[in-house]
Protein backbone atom coordinates (compact mmCIF):
# COMPACT_ATOMS: atom_id res chain seq x y z
CA UNK A 1 0.00 0.00 0.00
CA UNK A 2 1.38 3.36 -1.04
CA UNK A 3 1.33 7.00 0.02
CA UNK A 4 0.17 9.34 -2.74
CA UNK A 5 1.02 13.04 -2.93
CA UNK A 6 -0.76 15.19 -5.50
CA UNK A 7 0.87 18.37 -6.74
CA UNK A 8 4.21 16.60 -6.45
CA UNK A 9 5.58 18.56 -9.40
CA UNK A 10 4.86 21.83 -7.55
CA UNK A 11 6.62 23.52 -4.65
CA UNK A 12 4.76 22.10 -1.64
CA UNK A 13 4.01 18.64 -3.00
CA UNK A 14 7.63 18.15 -4.01
CA UNK A 15 8.76 19.05 -0.49
CA UNK A 16 6.29 16.54 0.97
CA UNK A 17 7.79 13.77 -1.15
CA UNK A 18 11.26 14.79 0.00
CA UNK A 19 10.07 14.81 3.63
CA UNK A 20 8.68 11.30 3.25
CA UNK A 21 11.99 10.09 1.85
CA UNK A 22 13.87 11.82 4.66
CA UNK A 23 11.56 10.10 7.15
CA UNK A 24 12.65 6.73 5.81
CA UNK A 25 9.61 5.81 3.74
CA UNK A 26 10.82 3.45 0.98
CA UNK A 27 10.78 5.21 -2.38
CA UNK A 28 8.72 2.45 -3.97
CA UNK A 29 5.91 3.14 -1.48
CA UNK A 30 5.59 6.77 -2.57
CA UNK A 31 3.53 7.94 -5.54
CA UNK A 32 4.33 11.43 -6.80
CA UNK A 33 1.34 12.61 -8.82
CA UNK A 34 1.26 15.75 -10.93
CA UNK A 35 0.48 17.24 -14.31
CA UNK A 36 4.01 17.59 -15.70
CA UNK A 37 5.71 14.32 -14.83
CA UNK A 38 8.93 15.47 -16.53
CA UNK A 39 9.46 17.69 -13.49
CA UNK A 40 9.59 14.55 -11.32
CA UNK A 41 12.04 12.61 -13.48
CA UNK A 42 14.70 12.76 -10.79
CA UNK A 43 12.24 11.32 -8.26
CA UNK A 44 11.56 8.44 -10.62
CA UNK A 45 15.30 7.84 -10.85
CA UNK A 46 15.33 7.52 -7.05
CA UNK A 47 12.63 4.85 -7.16
CA UNK A 48 9.53 6.98 -6.54
CA UNK A 49 6.51 6.03 -8.64
CA UNK A 50 5.48 8.99 -10.77
CA UNK A 51 1.95 9.19 -12.16
CA UNK A 52 0.31 11.83 -14.34
CA UNK A 53 -2.95 13.32 -13.12
CA UNK A 54 -5.44 15.83 -14.46
CA UNK A 55 -7.97 17.14 -11.95
CA UNK A 56 -10.45 17.47 -14.80
CA UNK A 57 -10.03 13.76 -15.58
CA UNK A 58 -11.43 11.55 -12.78
CA UNK A 59 -10.05 8.41 -14.43
CA UNK A 60 -6.50 9.72 -14.12
CA UNK A 61 -7.08 10.40 -10.43
CA UNK A 62 -8.46 6.91 -9.78
CA UNK A 63 -5.48 5.40 -11.59
CA UNK A 64 -3.05 7.48 -9.53
CA UNK A 65 -4.77 6.61 -6.25
CA UNK A 66 -5.18 2.90 -7.03
CA UNK A 67 -3.53 0.83 -4.30
CA UNK A 68 -3.08 3.87 -2.06
CA UNK A 69 -3.21 3.61 1.71
CA UNK A 70 -3.17 7.35 2.33
CA UNK A 71 -3.50 10.31 -0.04
CA UNK A 72 -2.45 13.92 0.41
CA UNK A 73 -4.58 16.22 -1.72
CA UNK A 74 -2.49 19.35 -2.17
CA UNK A 75 -4.95 22.10 -3.06
CA UNK A 76 -4.94 22.95 -6.73
CA UNK A 77 -4.03 26.42 -7.95
CA UNK A 78 -6.71 27.06 -10.59
CA UNK A 79 -8.81 29.72 -8.88
CA UNK A 80 -12.46 29.36 -9.72
CA UNK A 81 -12.09 25.67 -10.65
CA UNK A 82 -10.71 24.24 -7.44
CA UNK A 83 -13.92 23.11 -5.76
CA UNK A 84 -14.98 20.90 -8.67
CA UNK A 85 -11.46 19.63 -9.23
CA UNK A 86 -11.12 18.75 -5.56
CA UNK A 87 -14.51 17.03 -5.73
CA UNK A 88 -13.11 14.79 -8.47
CA UNK A 89 -10.13 13.91 -6.27
CA UNK A 90 -12.31 13.18 -3.23
CA UNK A 91 -14.57 10.91 -5.26
CA UNK A 92 -11.54 9.11 -6.70
CA UNK A 93 -10.18 8.53 -3.19
CA UNK A 94 -13.56 7.12 -2.17
CA UNK A 95 -13.67 4.86 -5.23
CA UNK A 96 -10.40 3.17 -4.25
CA UNK A 97 -11.29 3.18 -0.53
CA UNK A 98 -8.22 4.93 0.87
CA UNK A 99 -7.49 4.66 4.58
CA UNK A 100 -6.98 8.42 4.96
CA UNK A 101 -7.40 11.48 2.77
CA UNK A 102 -5.56 14.60 3.94
CA UNK A 103 -6.15 18.03 2.40
CA UNK A 104 -4.12 21.23 2.49
CA UNK A 105 -6.59 24.03 3.24
CA UNK A 106 -5.98 27.60 4.44
CA UNK A 107 -5.67 29.00 7.97
CA UNK A 108 -8.96 29.77 9.69
CA UNK A 109 -10.91 28.61 6.63
CA UNK A 110 -14.23 28.58 8.47
CA UNK A 111 -13.96 32.19 9.67
CA UNK A 112 -11.67 33.85 7.12
CA UNK A 113 -12.88 36.61 4.84
CA UNK A 114 -10.12 36.02 2.29
CA UNK A 115 -11.18 35.43 -1.29
CA UNK A 116 -8.67 32.59 -1.28
CA UNK A 117 -10.54 30.89 1.55
CA UNK A 118 -13.86 30.38 -0.26
CA UNK A 119 -12.93 27.35 -2.36
CA UNK A 120 -11.01 25.84 0.56
CA UNK A 121 -14.10 26.05 2.74
CA UNK A 122 -16.22 24.54 -0.03
CA UNK A 123 -13.73 21.68 -0.28
CA UNK A 124 -13.82 21.19 3.49
CA UNK A 125 -17.61 20.84 3.25
CA UNK A 126 -17.16 18.15 0.62
CA UNK A 127 -14.66 16.39 2.88
CA UNK A 128 -17.19 16.53 5.70
CA UNK A 129 -19.49 14.32 3.61
CA UNK A 130 -16.73 12.02 2.35
CA UNK A 131 -17.02 8.27 2.82
CA UNK A 132 -13.37 7.96 3.85
CA UNK A 133 -11.53 9.26 6.94
CA UNK A 134 -10.14 12.75 6.39
CA UNK A 135 -7.65 15.15 7.93
CA UNK A 136 -7.60 18.88 7.20
CA UNK A 137 -4.28 20.72 7.27
CA UNK A 138 -5.10 24.42 7.39
CA UNK A 139 -1.81 25.86 6.20
CA UNK A 140 -1.00 29.45 7.05
CA UNK A 141 0.99 31.86 4.90
CA UNK A 142 4.37 30.86 3.50
CA UNK A 143 7.46 32.78 4.57
CA UNK A 144 8.50 32.41 0.95
CA UNK A 145 5.63 34.73 -0.01
CA UNK A 146 7.87 37.42 1.48
CA UNK A 147 11.43 36.17 1.17
CA UNK A 148 11.09 35.48 -2.55
CA UNK A 149 10.43 39.22 -2.96
CA UNK A 150 13.74 40.17 -1.32
CA UNK A 151 15.30 41.48 -4.58
CA UNK A 152 12.30 43.80 -5.06
CA UNK A 153 12.50 45.01 -1.45
CA UNK A 154 16.16 45.89 -1.97
CA UNK A 155 15.54 47.52 -5.33
CA UNK A 156 12.76 49.79 -4.06
CA UNK A 157 13.90 50.19 -0.47
CA UNK A 158 10.46 49.17 0.69
CA UNK A 159 8.04 46.38 1.46
CA UNK A 160 4.69 47.26 -0.08
CA UNK A 161 1.38 45.95 1.24
CA UNK A 162 -2.09 46.62 2.58
CA UNK A 163 -1.78 44.76 5.88
CA UNK A 164 -1.57 47.75 8.23
CA UNK A 165 -0.49 46.56 11.66
CA UNK A 166 -2.00 43.11 11.13
CA UNK A 167 0.04 40.13 12.22
CA UNK A 168 0.67 36.93 10.29
CA UNK A 169 1.97 33.57 11.51
CA UNK A 170 3.94 32.54 8.44
CA UNK A 171 6.10 29.42 8.26
CA UNK A 172 8.34 27.87 5.63
CA UNK A 173 6.93 25.58 2.95
CA UNK A 174 9.23 22.88 4.28
CA UNK A 175 7.56 23.16 7.70
CA UNK A 176 4.11 22.57 6.22
CA UNK A 177 5.52 19.73 4.12
CA UNK A 178 6.97 18.08 7.23
CA UNK A 179 3.58 18.34 8.94
CA UNK A 180 1.88 16.68 5.99
CA UNK A 181 4.49 13.91 5.96
CA UNK A 182 3.91 13.34 9.67
CA UNK A 183 0.18 12.91 9.07
CA UNK A 184 0.81 10.46 6.23
CA UNK A 185 3.25 8.34 8.25
CA UNK A 186 1.61 8.18 11.67
CA UNK A 187 -1.78 7.27 13.14
CA UNK A 188 -4.44 9.16 15.05
CA UNK A 189 -5.10 12.00 12.59
CA UNK A 190 -8.46 10.95 11.13
CA UNK A 191 -11.15 13.52 11.81
CA UNK A 192 -8.65 16.19 12.90
CA UNK A 193 -8.46 19.78 11.69
CA UNK A 194 -5.02 21.28 12.27
CA UNK A 195 -4.47 25.05 12.28
CA UNK A 196 -0.89 25.46 11.11
CA UNK A 197 1.28 28.55 11.34
CA UNK A 198 4.60 29.87 12.54
CA UNK A 199 5.40 30.14 16.23
CA UNK A 200 5.61 33.95 16.30
CA UNK A 201 3.40 36.36 14.39
CA UNK A 202 4.90 39.46 12.78
CA UNK A 203 3.76 42.61 11.01
CA UNK A 204 5.02 43.76 7.64
CA UNK A 205 6.78 46.62 9.42
CA UNK A 206 8.66 44.00 11.43
CA UNK A 207 9.43 42.15 8.19
CA UNK A 208 10.91 45.35 6.74
CA UNK A 209 12.96 45.89 9.88
CA UNK A 210 14.32 42.34 9.70
CA UNK A 211 15.30 42.75 6.06
CA UNK A 212 17.03 46.00 7.01
CA UNK A 213 18.92 44.31 9.85
CA UNK A 214 20.10 41.37 7.73
CA UNK A 215 21.02 43.29 4.57
CA UNK A 216 22.26 46.51 6.11
CA UNK A 217 20.06 48.51 3.75
CA UNK A 218 17.23 50.68 5.06
CA UNK A 219 13.91 49.09 4.12
CA UNK A 220 10.59 50.62 5.14
CA UNK A 221 7.05 49.33 5.05
CA UNK A 222 4.69 51.33 2.84
CA UNK A 223 1.06 50.62 3.57
CA UNK A 224 -1.21 51.23 0.59
CA UNK A 225 -4.94 51.02 -0.08
CA UNK A 226 -5.73 47.58 -1.50
CA UNK A 227 -6.51 48.84 -4.99
CA UNK A 228 -3.21 50.73 -5.15
CA UNK A 229 -1.29 47.70 -3.90
CA UNK A 230 -2.97 45.55 -6.55
CA UNK A 231 -1.80 48.05 -9.17
CA UNK A 232 1.76 47.82 -7.83
CA UNK A 233 1.64 44.02 -8.11
CA UNK A 234 0.17 44.16 -11.60
CA UNK A 235 2.85 46.67 -12.57
CA UNK A 236 5.44 44.14 -11.42
CA UNK A 237 4.06 41.64 -13.91
CA UNK A 238 1.41 39.68 -12.01
CA UNK A 239 -1.90 38.99 -13.76
CA UNK A 240 -4.47 41.53 -12.63
CA UNK A 241 -6.85 38.97 -11.13
CA UNK A 242 -4.07 37.33 -9.11
CA UNK A 243 -2.77 40.74 -8.03
CA UNK A 244 -6.26 41.57 -6.71
CA UNK A 245 -6.37 38.28 -4.80
CA UNK A 246 -3.01 38.98 -3.15
CA UNK A 247 -4.06 42.51 -2.21
CA UNK A 248 -7.24 41.08 -0.72
CA UNK A 249 -5.11 38.65 1.28
CA UNK A 250 -3.17 41.57 2.75
CA UNK A 251 -6.46 43.13 3.82
CA UNK A 252 -7.16 39.78 5.46
CA UNK A 253 -3.88 40.02 7.34
CA UNK A 254 -5.03 43.40 8.66
CA UNK A 255 -8.22 41.73 9.93
CA UNK A 256 -6.27 38.90 11.57
CA UNK A 257 -7.39 36.23 9.12
CA UNK A 258 -3.89 34.77 8.86
CA UNK A 259 -2.98 34.91 12.52
CA UNK A 260 -2.83 31.36 13.88
CA UNK A 261 -3.23 30.85 17.63
CA UNK A 262 -2.17 27.22 17.74
CA UNK A 263 0.91 25.10 18.31
CA UNK A 264 -0.30 22.39 15.91
CA UNK A 265 2.57 22.94 13.47
CA UNK A 266 5.41 22.61 15.95
CA UNK A 267 3.61 19.65 17.57
CA UNK A 268 3.30 17.76 14.27
CA UNK A 269 6.87 18.41 13.15
CA UNK A 270 8.43 17.97 16.60
CA UNK A 271 10.49 21.17 16.47
CA UNK A 272 10.03 24.94 16.29
CA UNK A 273 8.81 26.28 12.95
CA UNK A 274 11.26 28.27 10.83
CA UNK A 275 11.53 31.82 12.17
CA UNK A 276 11.26 35.03 10.17
CA UNK A 277 14.87 35.85 11.06
CA UNK A 278 16.17 32.51 9.79
CA UNK A 279 14.11 32.72 6.60
CA UNK A 280 15.29 36.24 5.77
CA UNK A 281 18.90 35.34 6.53
CA UNK A 282 18.72 32.29 4.26
CA UNK A 283 17.14 34.32 1.45
CA UNK A 284 19.71 37.09 1.78
């Protein structure tokens, strides 16, 4: 019986596969499922089974999940299509009678006002009616959402956003991946909803101060109205719709939608989550 990870050709899913390997799971018991299997060629060379999936094609999902003991459904990234695509995956998991289906949702999905949260909450409702045991991993914000923008911060001397003094409990993708791997490789998680986030919340002003400290260059936080911030993001090359979603997420930070009051992440991974200071230092 195998462990299946969807989205294994993307950032988070790939890290989950690596975490499973690091945890000692035999490569031939891991199925890395994704759209572009060429991106997982190196995993195949290490003995991992690689299977192509299309969330619009239920047959491909059933084939990928066939023989699975546990499945991690990494949330898809096609905004506006995710609920139906996730429904296909849930039904496929039911068809092959998996022992556990875990899903990567978003922090505070049942109370969040984020546009990003809507399809996650709809998926959680589908999971509530599923005929297989489920676990919900409500992942908070990624530190990489900020650290990957370090060149832009240095170029402009500023962190831009619409978060005000709101605080966010961000953690590294690898932390969330380790939590998912722990759920896939241990018992007692069926029926659980885990709120996952970093150990210490921070504001974007504190992010700017940390970047300043590490790089030695003065970086300030410039708080903008959401529509202006969306224009800044679009001007940097992001599609307008995605830029609007990110600006809306910053407004959510201001409301506290991405503040996680829980130690679920550090409990699952058995260590402190990656700190803002460590993440910025590594990026710099």
